[in-house]
Amino acid sequence: MKALHLGWVTDSLKTILALHHAGIEPVVVNTDPVRFFDKVPALPVHIPVALNLYENSRVPYPHLFRQFLVSRLFNRWLPLFQLLARTIKENGGVDFVFAHWGVGVLPEVAMIKSRSETARLPLILNMGTFPTAPSGALTERLELRIFRWIAPLVDGLIIPSQEMADLIYKLSPAMMEKPALVKPMYYPKEYLPAGILPKLGEHDKRARVVFVGQFDLSHRINDVRKELLSLAQIGVYVHCAAVDGLNNQNIVQFQPFNAHALVSGTLTRFMTQFGACLVSYNVTTASSRLRFRTSIPSRFLIALIAGIPIILPKGRFMAMENFVYREKVGYAFQTPEHAYLILISPSWDAVRERCAEKRKKFTFEPKEFKLFVQHILQRLD
């Protein structure tokens, strides 16, 4: 079985590896408009990149222009389609398209589905963060409209949370009739910790958390420095990637981990020494931010496979907060002082043990995934 895997290669390591583990050969089309590759980096197996779609493209400013091409313009944008069609033909026997993730890859989905030569290829869309827009502004409304337009072309969905499923079915009620796997696309087994480290602070009983989110300060939502400082100021040791503006004796900074460290289990091994993983974004309320009510992001999933508890601010991230309480793998705190008391509570050790026991539950299951794919293909025969 073969799948045409559409997505940014650097954001698709886990899904490309997941297809491989499920016995499905990934024909990788890199839709990143800036970075190009001969093979998928960091993975323990050699998987070539069949096509860097925008490498020699004449699309002006593809990182900005792609979304605006989600229209009938794609019917006339023949050079890009011809590249895709040729790649499909040269890798004969492609059984379906696996698009990762969400609205971000819909321009390329539209390109394939708008042409008669490839329109009949079954499409599975893996939703990650949806909407991707961090606020309820024009971009979010555009994404919702794009999804409504593209929904009839989708044959199967992987949806990380029930909250996102409810949104999708509200946008497009017809999607309720199509196969859906409503659970996160967990990380494959390679991401499990390559060993377990002794717990830091075992003797001094100090609260220690790790934050593994990005510090891409060009996006305001990633600037959580104020929150990290508020925890440090009341006595929590906070370990995070190096960034300016975090001057506090209780903040320990490390060099960011690369993709190989993630895929080899080095990052998750590092995480096992902490009392909890903080998951947060720079938002004060989820009321006007649909993204944070529905999504299960990578920084949350990596804590699950690391097998350590998750703490997050209460009331901001509905899907994540519901998951934490449903699976009993963490806690939502109201204030920094509340977080500190949670982390030093004698009962927290039991939470850590539960998370360690559950880490394999939160690992990608190849058999389940393959059965889901086969169900979709059989349904369309």
Protein backbone atom coordinates (compact mmCIF):
# COMPACT_ATOMS: atom_id res chain seq x y z
CA MET A 1 0.00 0.00 0.00
CA LYS A 2 1.23 3.51 -0.88
CA ALA A 3 0.18 6.94 0.35
CA LEU A 4 0.99 10.31 -1.15
CA HIS A 5 2.01 12.20 1.98
CA LEU A 6 1.39 15.95 1.67
CA GLY A 7 2.86 18.27 4.27
CA TRP A 8 5.85 20.26 5.46
CA VAL A 9 8.58 17.65 5.93
CA THR A 10 9.94 19.09 9.17
CA ASP A 11 6.45 19.10 10.70
CA SER A 12 5.63 15.62 9.39
CA LEU A 13 8.32 13.40 10.88
CA LYS A 14 5.91 11.52 13.12
CA THR A 15 3.23 10.97 10.46
CA ILE A 16 5.73 9.84 7.81
CA LEU A 17 7.21 7.39 10.33
CA ALA A 18 3.69 6.33 11.36
CA LEU A 19 2.80 5.40 7.79
CA HIS A 20 6.02 3.41 7.53
CA HIS A 21 5.22 1.48 10.75
CA ALA A 22 1.73 0.71 9.46
CA GLY A 23 3.25 -0.98 6.39
CA ILE A 24 2.23 1.91 4.12
CA GLU A 25 4.94 3.30 1.83
CA PRO A 26 4.95 7.10 2.07
CA VAL A 27 5.52 8.98 -1.19
CA VAL A 28 6.59 12.26 0.38
CA VAL A 29 5.63 15.58 -1.20
CA ASN A 30 7.17 18.46 0.73
CA THR A 31 4.84 21.48 0.68
CA ASP A 32 7.20 23.72 2.66
CA PRO A 33 7.72 26.80 0.47
CA VAL A 34 11.13 27.60 1.98
CA ARG A 35 13.03 24.45 3.05
CA PHE A 36 13.78 21.63 0.61
CA PHE A 37 15.10 18.09 1.19
CA ASP A 38 16.40 15.06 -0.71
CA LYS A 39 15.29 12.75 2.09
CA VAL A 40 13.27 13.03 5.25
CA PRO A 41 15.74 14.18 7.93
CA ALA A 42 16.34 12.69 11.40
CA LEU A 43 14.37 9.46 10.92
CA PRO A 44 16.01 6.08 11.69
CA VAL A 45 14.89 4.82 8.26
CA HIS A 46 15.79 6.23 4.84
CA ILE A 47 12.72 7.77 3.23
CA PRO A 48 13.32 9.91 0.13
CA VAL A 49 11.42 13.10 -0.61
CA ALA A 50 9.72 12.48 -3.94
CA LEU A 51 8.96 16.15 -4.64
CA ASN A 52 9.67 19.58 -3.17
CA LEU A 53 6.59 21.18 -4.69
CA TYR A 54 7.64 24.81 -4.46
CA GLU A 55 11.40 24.45 -4.99
CA ASN A 56 11.43 25.82 -8.55
CA SER A 57 7.95 27.24 -8.54
CA ARG A 58 7.01 30.56 -10.07
CA VAL A 59 4.32 31.09 -7.45
CA PRO A 60 5.02 34.56 -6.05
CA TYR A 61 5.70 34.50 -2.29
CA PRO A 62 4.33 30.95 -1.87
CA HIS A 63 4.36 31.17 1.95
CA LEU A 64 1.76 33.96 1.65
CA PHE A 65 0.08 33.16 -1.64
CA ARG A 66 -0.74 29.47 -1.15
CA GLN A 67 -3.90 29.97 0.88
CA PHE A 68 -5.32 32.41 -1.64
CA LEU A 69 -4.96 29.72 -4.29
CA VAL A 70 -7.56 27.60 -2.51
CA SER A 71 -10.09 28.47 -5.15
CA ARG A 72 -10.80 27.78 -8.79
CA LEU A 73 -7.48 29.40 -9.53
CA PHE A 74 -6.01 25.96 -8.97
CA ASN A 75 -7.78 24.72 -12.07
CA ARG A 76 -5.57 27.08 -14.05
CA TRP A 77 -2.36 26.65 -12.07
CA LEU A 78 -1.20 23.79 -14.27
CA PRO A 79 2.58 23.74 -13.63
CA LEU A 80 2.16 22.81 -9.96
CA PHE A 81 -0.52 20.25 -10.70
CA GLN A 82 1.63 18.68 -13.42
CA LEU A 83 4.45 18.25 -10.92
CA LEU A 84 2.10 16.44 -8.55
CA ALA A 85 0.54 14.34 -11.29
CA ARG A 86 3.97 13.30 -12.55
CA THR A 87 5.07 12.35 -9.05
CA ILE A 88 1.96 10.21 -8.60
CA LYS A 89 2.54 8.53 -11.96
CA GLU A 90 6.24 7.88 -11.31
CA ASN A 91 5.33 6.27 -7.98
CA GLY A 92 2.68 4.04 -9.47
CA GLY A 93 0.11 2.41 -7.25
CA VAL A 94 -0.58 5.31 -4.89
CA ASP A 95 -3.67 4.18 -2.99
CA PHE A 96 -4.63 7.35 -1.15
CA VAL A 97 -3.55 10.84 -0.15
CA PHE A 98 -2.58 11.52 3.45
CA ALA A 99 -2.66 15.26 4.09
CA HIS A 100 -0.94 16.64 7.21
CA TRP A 101 -2.09 18.83 8.86
CA GLY A 102 -5.44 20.51 8.72
CA VAL A 103 -6.08 23.72 6.80
CA GLY A 104 -2.36 24.28 6.23
CA VAL A 105 -2.22 21.64 3.51
CA LEU A 106 -5.60 22.34 1.87
CA PRO A 107 -4.12 24.33 -1.04
CA GLU A 108 -2.35 21.20 -2.26
CA VAL A 109 -5.39 19.05 -1.51
CA ALA A 110 -7.51 21.36 -3.63
CA MET A 111 -4.97 21.10 -6.43
CA ILE A 112 -5.21 17.30 -6.50
CA LYS A 113 -8.97 17.13 -6.11
CA SER A 114 -9.70 19.75 -8.76
CA ARG A 115 -8.23 17.72 -11.61
CA SER A 116 -9.96 14.71 -13.13
CA GLU A 117 -6.69 12.76 -13.37
CA THR A 118 -6.28 12.59 -9.59
CA ALA A 119 -9.68 13.55 -8.16
CA ARG A 120 -10.64 9.94 -7.40
CA LEU A 121 -7.70 9.34 -5.05
CA PRO A 122 -9.14 8.84 -1.54
CA LEU A 123 -8.15 11.61 0.86
CA ILE A 124 -7.43 11.28 4.58
CA LEU A 125 -6.95 14.60 6.34
CA ASN A 126 -5.04 14.64 9.62
CA MET A 127 -6.22 17.56 11.72
CA GLY A 128 -3.70 18.86 14.24
CA THR A 129 -4.36 22.42 15.25
CA PHE A 130 -7.62 23.77 13.89
CA PRO A 131 -8.07 26.58 13.33
CA THR A 132 -4.38 27.42 13.08
CA ALA A 133 -5.12 31.13 13.50
CA PRO A 134 -4.35 32.15 17.12
CA SER A 135 -7.22 34.64 17.40
CA GLY A 136 -10.77 35.11 16.22
CA ALA A 137 -9.76 37.48 13.45
CA LEU A 138 -10.11 37.42 9.67
CA THR A 139 -7.60 34.57 9.26
CA GLU A 140 -9.67 32.29 11.48
CA ARG A 141 -12.86 33.06 9.56
CA LEU A 142 -11.03 32.39 6.29
CA GLU A 143 -9.84 29.01 7.57
CA LEU A 144 -13.35 27.99 8.62
CA ARG A 145 -14.66 28.97 5.19
CA ILE A 146 -11.88 27.04 3.45
CA PHE A 147 -12.69 23.95 5.48
CA ARG A 148 -16.39 24.15 4.60
CA TRP A 149 -15.44 24.36 0.94
CA ILE A 150 -12.98 21.48 1.03
CA ALA A 151 -15.00 19.16 3.33
CA PRO A 152 -16.90 17.37 0.52
CA LEU A 153 -13.56 16.26 -0.93
CA VAL A 154 -12.43 14.56 2.30
CA ASP A 155 -12.95 10.79 2.65
CA GLY A 156 -11.64 10.31 6.17
CA LEU A 157 -10.54 12.44 9.12
CA ILE A 158 -8.16 12.04 12.03
CA ILE A 159 -9.38 14.45 14.72
CA PRO A 160 -7.41 14.88 17.95
CA SER A 161 -10.28 15.85 20.26
CA GLN A 162 -14.04 15.62 20.61
CA GLU A 163 -14.11 19.40 20.91
CA MET A 164 -12.60 19.70 17.43
CA ALA A 165 -14.95 17.02 16.11
CA ASP A 166 -17.93 19.04 17.38
CA LEU A 167 -16.61 22.12 15.55
CA ILE A 168 -16.04 20.21 12.32
CA TYR A 169 -19.50 18.64 12.37
CA LYS A 170 -21.05 22.02 13.04
CA LEU A 171 -19.20 23.51 10.07
CA SER A 172 -20.05 20.59 7.80
CA PRO A 173 -22.77 18.24 9.09
CA ALA A 174 -22.15 15.90 6.13
CA MET A 175 -18.78 15.02 7.68
CA MET A 176 -20.62 12.99 10.34
CA GLU A 177 -21.28 10.38 7.64
CA LYS A 178 -17.58 9.91 6.88
CA PRO A 179 -15.10 7.72 8.79
CA ALA A 180 -13.26 9.54 11.56
CA LEU A 181 -10.64 8.52 14.08
CA VAL A 182 -11.30 10.83 17.01
CA LYS A 183 -8.06 10.60 18.96
CA PRO A 184 -4.70 12.34 18.71
CA MET A 185 -2.18 11.11 16.15
CA TYR A 186 0.28 10.01 18.83
CA TYR A 187 4.04 9.86 18.38
CA PRO A 188 5.54 6.53 17.17
CA LYS A 189 7.59 4.31 19.47
CA GLU A 190 10.92 5.91 18.48
CA TYR A 191 9.93 8.95 20.55
CA LEU A 192 9.66 6.95 23.79
CA PRO A 193 12.34 7.87 26.34
CA ALA A 194 15.73 6.29 25.63
CA GLY A 195 16.10 5.53 29.33
CA ILE A 196 14.70 7.06 32.52
CA LEU A 197 16.61 9.67 34.51
CA PRO A 198 16.48 10.06 38.32
CA LYS A 199 14.01 12.68 39.46
CA LEU A 200 15.56 16.11 39.99
CA GLY A 201 14.99 17.53 43.44
CA GLU A 202 14.39 14.12 44.99
CA HIS A 203 16.16 15.18 48.17
CA ASP A 204 15.36 18.90 48.37
CA LYS A 205 11.67 18.33 47.44
CA ARG A 206 11.64 21.43 45.25
CA ALA A 207 9.02 21.79 42.53
CA ARG A 208 10.60 21.43 39.06
CA VAL A 209 8.87 21.71 35.70
CA VAL A 210 10.07 21.64 32.12
CA PHE A 211 8.68 23.74 29.26
CA VAL A 212 9.41 22.32 25.79
CA GLY A 213 7.40 24.78 23.72
CA GLN A 214 8.93 27.05 21.09
CA PHE A 215 10.20 30.53 21.81
CA ASP A 216 9.44 31.86 18.34
CA LEU A 217 8.88 35.41 19.54
CA SER A 218 7.74 36.56 16.09
CA HIS A 219 4.39 35.06 17.16
CA ARG A 220 3.02 36.58 20.34
CA ILE A 221 1.29 33.39 21.42
CA ASN A 222 4.69 31.70 21.86
CA ASP A 223 5.99 34.34 24.26
CA VAL A 224 5.25 32.74 27.62
CA ARG A 225 8.19 34.36 29.42
CA LYS A 226 5.92 36.27 31.80
CA GLU A 227 4.20 33.06 32.85
CA LEU A 228 7.50 31.24 33.38
CA LEU A 229 8.78 34.12 35.50
CA SER A 230 5.62 34.13 37.62
CA LEU A 231 6.19 30.45 38.46
CA ALA A 232 9.88 31.01 39.19
CA GLN A 233 9.15 33.95 41.47
CA ILE A 234 7.10 31.82 43.85
CA GLY A 235 9.72 29.05 44.04
CA VAL A 236 9.16 26.68 41.10
CA TYR A 237 12.33 25.66 39.25
CA VAL A 238 11.53 26.14 35.57
CA HIS A 239 13.69 24.51 32.88
CA CYS A 240 13.23 25.84 29.33
CA ALA A 241 15.06 26.55 26.08
CA ALA A 242 17.47 29.47 26.10
CA VAL A 243 15.88 32.85 25.37
CA ASP A 244 16.50 36.44 26.41
CA GLY A 245 14.38 38.05 29.12
CA LEU A 246 14.30 35.22 31.68
CA ASN A 247 16.63 36.42 34.40
CA ASN A 248 15.71 34.55 37.56
CA GLN A 249 17.71 32.20 39.78
CA ASN A 250 14.94 29.60 39.54
CA ILE A 251 14.99 29.46 35.74
CA VAL A 252 17.41 27.00 34.15
CA GLN A 253 17.90 27.34 30.39
CA PHE A 254 19.09 24.63 28.00
CA GLN A 255 19.97 24.62 24.33
CA PRO A 256 17.00 23.69 22.11
CA PHE A 257 16.82 20.05 21.10
CA ASN A 258 17.02 19.20 17.41
CA ALA A 259 14.79 16.85 15.41
CA HIS A 260 17.16 13.90 15.84
CA ALA A 261 16.96 14.26 19.63
CA LEU A 262 13.20 14.13 19.37
CA VAL A 263 13.02 11.07 17.12
CA SER A 264 15.69 9.16 19.06
CA GLY A 265 13.98 9.56 22.44
CA THR A 266 16.72 11.85 23.77
CA LEU A 267 14.33 14.72 24.47
CA THR A 268 11.76 12.54 26.23
CA ARG A 269 14.55 10.94 28.29
CA PHE A 270 15.58 14.43 29.39
CA MET A 271 11.96 15.17 30.33
CA THR A 272 11.63 12.15 32.65
CA GLN A 273 13.64 13.87 35.41
CA PHE A 274 11.01 16.57 36.01
CA GLY A 275 7.93 16.65 38.17
CA ALA A 276 5.74 17.94 35.35
CA CYS A 277 5.67 19.47 31.88
CA LEU A 278 4.12 22.91 31.59
CA VAL A 279 1.95 23.34 28.49
CA SER A 280 0.88 26.88 27.76
CA TYR A 281 0.56 29.69 25.23
CA ASN A 282 0.38 33.43 25.66
CA VAL A 283 -3.39 33.74 25.80
CA THR A 284 -5.44 34.89 28.77
CA THR A 285 -8.76 33.34 27.83
CA ALA A 286 -10.07 30.81 25.35
CA SER A 287 -13.39 32.60 24.90
CA SER A 288 -12.45 34.32 21.65
CA ARG A 289 -9.76 31.89 20.49
CA LEU A 290 -11.27 28.85 18.88
CA ARG A 291 -7.89 27.24 18.27
CA PHE A 292 -7.21 26.85 21.97
CA ARG A 293 -10.59 25.29 22.69
CA THR A 294 -10.16 22.44 20.21
CA SER A 295 -6.51 21.54 19.66
CA ILE A 296 -4.08 18.99 21.10
CA PRO A 297 -0.65 20.40 20.13
CA SER A 298 2.70 18.64 19.83
CA ARG A 299 4.07 20.01 23.12
CA PHE A 300 1.18 18.25 24.88
CA LEU A 301 1.62 14.95 23.03
CA ILE A 302 5.36 14.82 23.66
CA ALA A 303 4.72 15.07 27.41
CA LEU A 304 2.33 12.14 27.17
CA ILE A 305 4.87 9.86 25.48
CA ALA A 306 7.59 11.08 27.86
CA GLY A 307 5.35 9.77 30.64
CA ILE A 308 5.35 12.85 32.87
CA PRO A 309 2.38 14.80 34.24
CA ILE A 310 1.08 17.90 32.50
CA ILE A 311 0.19 21.15 34.21
CA LEU A 312 -1.57 23.94 32.35
CA PRO A 313 -3.42 27.16 33.19
CA LYS A 314 -7.05 26.56 34.04
CA GLY A 315 -9.76 27.74 31.65
CA ARG A 316 -7.58 28.53 28.62
CA PHE A 317 -7.26 25.23 26.76
CA MET A 318 -10.51 23.29 26.90
CA ALA A 319 -9.57 20.20 24.86
CA MET A 320 -6.26 19.75 26.66
CA GLU A 321 -7.76 20.40 30.08
CA ASN A 322 -10.55 17.88 29.49
CA PHE A 323 -7.99 15.30 28.31
CA VAL A 324 -5.82 15.81 31.41
CA TYR A 325 -8.72 15.20 33.78
CA ARG A 326 -10.24 12.38 31.75
CA GLU A 327 -6.96 10.44 31.69
CA LYS A 328 -5.80 11.65 35.14
CA VAL A 329 -2.42 12.72 33.79
CA GLY A 330 -2.06 16.19 35.28
CA TYR A 331 -3.78 19.25 36.64
CA ALA A 332 -5.00 22.69 35.61
CA PHE A 333 -3.84 25.41 38.01
CA GLN A 334 -5.55 28.71 38.77
CA THR A 335 -2.53 30.72 39.96
CA PRO A 336 1.26 30.21 40.15
CA GLU A 337 0.87 29.61 43.90
CA HIS A 338 -1.71 26.93 43.15
CA ALA A 339 0.72 25.26 40.71
CA TYR A 340 3.44 25.26 43.36
CA LEU A 341 1.19 23.57 45.92
CA ILE A 342 0.15 20.94 43.39
CA LEU A 343 3.75 20.10 42.52
CA ILE A 344 4.93 19.70 46.14
CA SER A 345 1.87 17.71 47.22
CA PRO A 346 2.70 14.16 48.44
CA SER A 347 -0.04 12.87 46.13
CA TRP A 348 1.82 14.16 43.05
CA ASP A 349 4.17 11.15 43.08
CA ALA A 350 1.16 8.93 42.36
CA VAL A 351 0.33 11.10 39.33
CA ARG A 352 3.92 10.74 38.08
CA GLU A 353 3.72 6.96 38.44
CA ARG A 354 0.40 6.84 36.57
CA CYS A 355 1.80 8.89 33.70
CA ALA A 356 4.85 6.64 33.43
CA GLU A 357 2.58 3.59 33.25
CA LYS A 358 0.43 5.20 30.56
CA ARG A 359 3.16 6.43 28.19
CA LYS A 360 2.78 3.39 25.91
CA LYS A 361 -0.98 3.96 25.75
CA PHE A 362 -0.21 7.35 24.25
CA THR A 363 1.99 5.86 21.50
CA PHE A 364 0.96 5.46 17.86
CA GLU A 365 -0.79 2.14 17.14
CA PRO A 366 0.06 0.94 13.60
CA LYS A 367 -2.58 -1.81 13.45
CA GLU A 368 -5.42 0.51 14.45
CA PHE A 369 -4.31 3.09 11.90
CA LYS A 370 -4.02 0.57 9.08
CA LEU A 371 -7.48 -0.84 9.82
CA PHE A 372 -8.86 2.71 9.68
CA VAL A 373 -7.23 3.28 6.28
CA GLN A 374 -8.46 -0.06 4.94
CA HIS A 375 -12.00 0.73 6.10
CA ILE A 376 -11.95 3.96 4.12
CA LEU A 377 -10.55 2.33 0.97
CA GLN A 378 -13.04 -0.56 1.12
CA ARG A 379 -15.88 1.87 1.68
CA LEU A 380 -14.96 3.69 -1.54
CA ASP A 381 -14.50 0.57 -3.71
